[in-house]
């Protein structure tokens, strides 16, 4: 998957934080609670994280759209965000959803640290 410049900046930000392992745990947890097996290792690289999440999201979009919608609900990604841009193909939906899922999970982890 080709990543836009803002995604590259986001990846750089992830690399610079000690919260990255917590992000991996949060993603694994939310995917698991939705019934999707995701076994990301805490030491996986951000590019690998994006690729793995993207592959899982693509499979859901293609073959189990109801579970995809449940995942968006579980992670708390607004359906409005998904409909803002051109998300007319499975690839576009996958790309947009992957980035929104990771960003939202990152916000959760940061919020917990701030409030904890």
Foldseek 3Di string as FASTA:
>chain_A
DDDDPVVVVVLVVLVVDPCQLVLVVLVCVLCVVLVHHDDDDSPDRPVVLLVSQLVSLLCCVVPPVVSNVVSCVSLVPDVVQLPPDPQPDSNSSSNSVSVSSSVSSVVVSVVVVVVD
